[in-house]
C-alpha atoms as a PDB file:
ATOM      1  CA  MET A   1     165.237 -91.277 -58.052  1.00  0.00           C
ATOM      2  CA  ALA A   2     168.934 -91.518 -58.987  1.00  0.00           C
ATOM      3  CA  CYS A   3     167.867 -91.748 -62.614  1.00  0.00           C
ATOM      4  CA  VAL A   4     166.203 -88.361 -62.432  1.00  0.00           C
ATOM      5  CA  LEU A   5     168.509 -86.544 -60.000  1.00  0.00           C
ATOM      6  CA  TYR A   6     171.840 -87.761 -61.343  1.00  0.00           C
ATOM      7  CA  GLY A   7     171.033 -88.683 -64.923  1.00  0.00           C
ATOM      8  CA  LEU A   8     171.805 -92.375 -64.449  1.00  0.00           C
ATOM      9  CA  SER A   9     170.282 -95.076 -66.583  1.00  0.00           C
ATOM     10  CA  PRO A  10     168.207 -97.615 -64.619  1.00  0.00           C
ATOM     11  CA  VAL A  11     171.006-100.184 -65.010  1.00  0.00           C
ATOM     12  CA  GLU A  12     173.599 -97.680 -63.725  1.00  0.00           C
ATOM     13  CA  ALA A  13     171.344 -96.824 -60.762  1.00  0.00           C
ATOM     14  CA  LEU A  14     170.979-100.532 -59.935  1.00  0.00           C
ATOM     15  CA  ALA A  15     174.765-101.028 -60.005  1.00  0.00           C
ATOM     16  CA  ALA A  16     175.213 -97.882 -57.882  1.00  0.00           C
ATOM     17  CA  ALA A  17     172.986 -99.438 -55.212  1.00  0.00           C
ATOM     18  CA  THR A  18     174.265-103.026 -55.341  1.00  0.00           C
ATOM     19  CA  ALA A  19     177.540-104.168 -56.924  1.00  0.00           C
ATOM     20  CA  ASN A  20     179.489-100.930 -56.485  1.00  0.00           C
ATOM     21  CA  PRO A  21     178.919-100.525 -52.711  1.00  0.00           C
ATOM     22  CA  ALA A  22     179.676-104.223 -52.141  1.00  0.00           C
ATOM     23  CA  TRP A  23     182.998-103.776 -53.954  1.00  0.00           C
ATOM     24  CA  VAL A  24     183.872-100.567 -52.058  1.00  0.00           C
ATOM     25  CA  LEU A  25     183.128-102.278 -48.724  1.00  0.00           C
ATOM     26  CA  GLY A  26     185.204-105.323 -49.662  1.00  0.00           C
ATOM     27  CA  LEU A  27     182.139-107.584 -49.615  1.00  0.00           C
ATOM     28  CA  SER A  28     181.806-108.353 -53.315  1.00  0.00           C
ATOM     29  CA  ASP A  29     182.778-111.982 -52.685  1.00  0.00           C
ATOM     30  CA  ARG A  30     179.561-112.411 -50.631  1.00  0.00           C
ATOM     31  CA  LEU A  31     177.032-109.911 -51.959  1.00  0.00           C
ATOM     32  CA  GLY A  32     176.253-107.220 -54.523  1.00  0.00           C
ATOM     33  CA  THR A  33     175.439-109.445 -57.501  1.00  0.00           C
ATOM     34  CA  LEU A  34     173.272-112.503 -58.077  1.00  0.00           C
ATOM     35  CA  GLU A  35     175.634-115.453 -58.168  1.00  0.00           C
ATOM     36  CA  ARG A  36     175.695-118.951 -56.708  1.00  0.00           C
ATOM     37  CA  GLY A  37     176.984-118.867 -53.139  1.00  0.00           C
ATOM     38  CA  LYS A  38     176.237-115.193 -52.514  1.00  0.00           C
ATOM     39  CA  ARG A  39     173.586-113.838 -50.160  1.00  0.00           C
ATOM     40  CA  ALA A  40     170.351-113.433 -52.085  1.00  0.00           C
ATOM     41  CA  ASP A  41     168.512-110.314 -50.959  1.00  0.00           C
ATOM     42  CA  ILE A  42     166.483-109.301 -53.989  1.00  0.00           C
ATOM     43  CA  VAL A  43     163.345-107.478 -55.016  1.00  0.00           C
ATOM     44  CA  VAL A  44     161.318-108.834 -57.926  1.00  0.00           C
ATOM     45  CA  LEU A  45     159.792-106.020 -59.959  1.00  0.00           C
ATOM     46  CA  GLU A  46     156.826-106.067 -62.312  1.00  0.00           C
ATOM     47  CA  GLY A  47     157.453-105.004 -65.875  1.00  0.00           C
ATOM     48  CA  GLU A  48     158.890-106.050 -69.163  1.00  0.00           C
ATOM     49  CA  ASP A  49     162.116-104.158 -68.700  1.00  0.00           C
ATOM     50  CA  LEU A  50     164.156-102.551 -65.917  1.00  0.00           C
ATOM     51  CA  THR A  51     164.284 -99.316 -67.886  1.00  0.00           C
ATOM     52  CA  MET A  52     160.560 -98.728 -67.275  1.00  0.00           C
ATOM     53  CA  VAL A  53     160.717 -98.754 -63.439  1.00  0.00           C
ATOM     54  CA  PRO A  54     161.631 -95.077 -62.892  1.00  0.00           C
ATOM     55  CA  TYR A  55     159.090 -93.819 -65.408  1.00  0.00           C
ATOM     56  CA  ARG A  56     155.922 -95.013 -63.714  1.00  0.00           C
ATOM     57  CA  PRO A  57     155.473 -92.616 -60.757  1.00  0.00           C
ATOM     58  CA  GLY A  58     152.778 -93.644 -58.326  1.00  0.00           C
ATOM     59  CA  HIS A  59     152.964 -97.275 -59.461  1.00  0.00           C
ATOM     60  CA  HIS A  60     154.048 -99.960 -56.970  1.00  0.00           C
ATOM     61  CA  PRO A  61     156.163-102.352 -59.081  1.00  0.00           C
ATOM     62  CA  VAL A  62     157.313-104.724 -56.306  1.00  0.00           C
ATOM     63  CA  LEU A  63     156.015-108.273 -56.796  1.00  0.00           C
ATOM     64  CA  GLY A  64     158.110-109.941 -54.112  1.00  0.00           C
ATOM     65  CA  THR A  65     161.047-109.564 -51.751  1.00  0.00           C
ATOM     66  CA  TYR A  66     163.584-112.249 -50.868  1.00  0.00           C
ATOM     67  CA  VAL A  67     166.000-112.008 -47.936  1.00  0.00           C
ATOM     68  CA  GLY A  68     168.729-114.601 -47.657  1.00  0.00           C
ATOM     69  CA  GLY A  69     167.132-116.448 -50.561  1.00  0.00           C
ATOM     70  CA  ARG A  70     163.754-116.779 -48.800  1.00  0.00           C
ATOM     71  CA  LEU A  71     160.522-115.101 -49.869  1.00  0.00           C
ATOM     72  CA  VAL A  72     159.518-112.705 -47.088  1.00  0.00           C
ATOM     73  CA  SER A  73     156.796-110.763 -48.840  1.00  0.00           C
ATOM     74  CA  SER A  74     154.867-110.718 -52.058  1.00  0.00           C
ATOM     75  CA  ARG A  75     152.233-108.389 -53.384  1.00  0.00           C
ATOM     76  CA  GLY A  76     149.305-108.748 -51.017  1.00  0.00           C
ATOM     77  CA  THR A  77     151.049-111.076 -48.516  1.00  0.00           C
ATOM     78  CA  ASP A  78     153.743-110.455 -45.927  1.00  0.00           C
ATOM     79  CA  TRP A  79     155.146-113.971 -45.370  1.00  0.00           C
ATOM     80  CA  SER A  80     157.289-112.843 -42.447  1.00  0.00           C
ATOM     81  CA  LEU A  81     154.045-112.629 -40.460  1.00  0.00           C
ATOM     82  CA  HIS A  82     152.863-116.105 -41.526  1.00  0.00           C
ATOM     83  CA  GLY A  83     155.731-118.387 -40.552  1.00  0.00           C
ATOM     84  CA  PRO A  84     158.066-120.159 -42.980  1.00  0.00           C
ATOM     85  CA  SER A  85     158.232-119.066 -46.584  1.00  0.00           C
ATOM     86  CA  PRO A  86     156.164-121.181 -48.992  1.00  0.00           C
ATOM     87  CA  VAL A  87     158.985-120.815 -51.517  1.00  0.00           C
ATOM     88  CA  GLY A  88     162.424-122.310 -51.056  1.00  0.00           C
ATOM     89  CA  GLY A  89     161.729-124.155 -47.811  1.00  0.00           C
END
């Protein structure tokens, strides 16, 4: 949505929702980017390229969601309802 409303590229929109707020809040040492030792809350999207995500309206591109480095849901399965994640212990 930020891509359309504010003219951001998909990469700029991603930074606006992740690394930039972490820096502003003084939390960039713990979150905001994918690095060893940081909290890993991520969404895995389907597609060849991040630039295609905003241009497929009506398409659900989410393949999986990780919270704290653990898979909590994947397309067709909500692992939070089924006990421990089958990925990453």
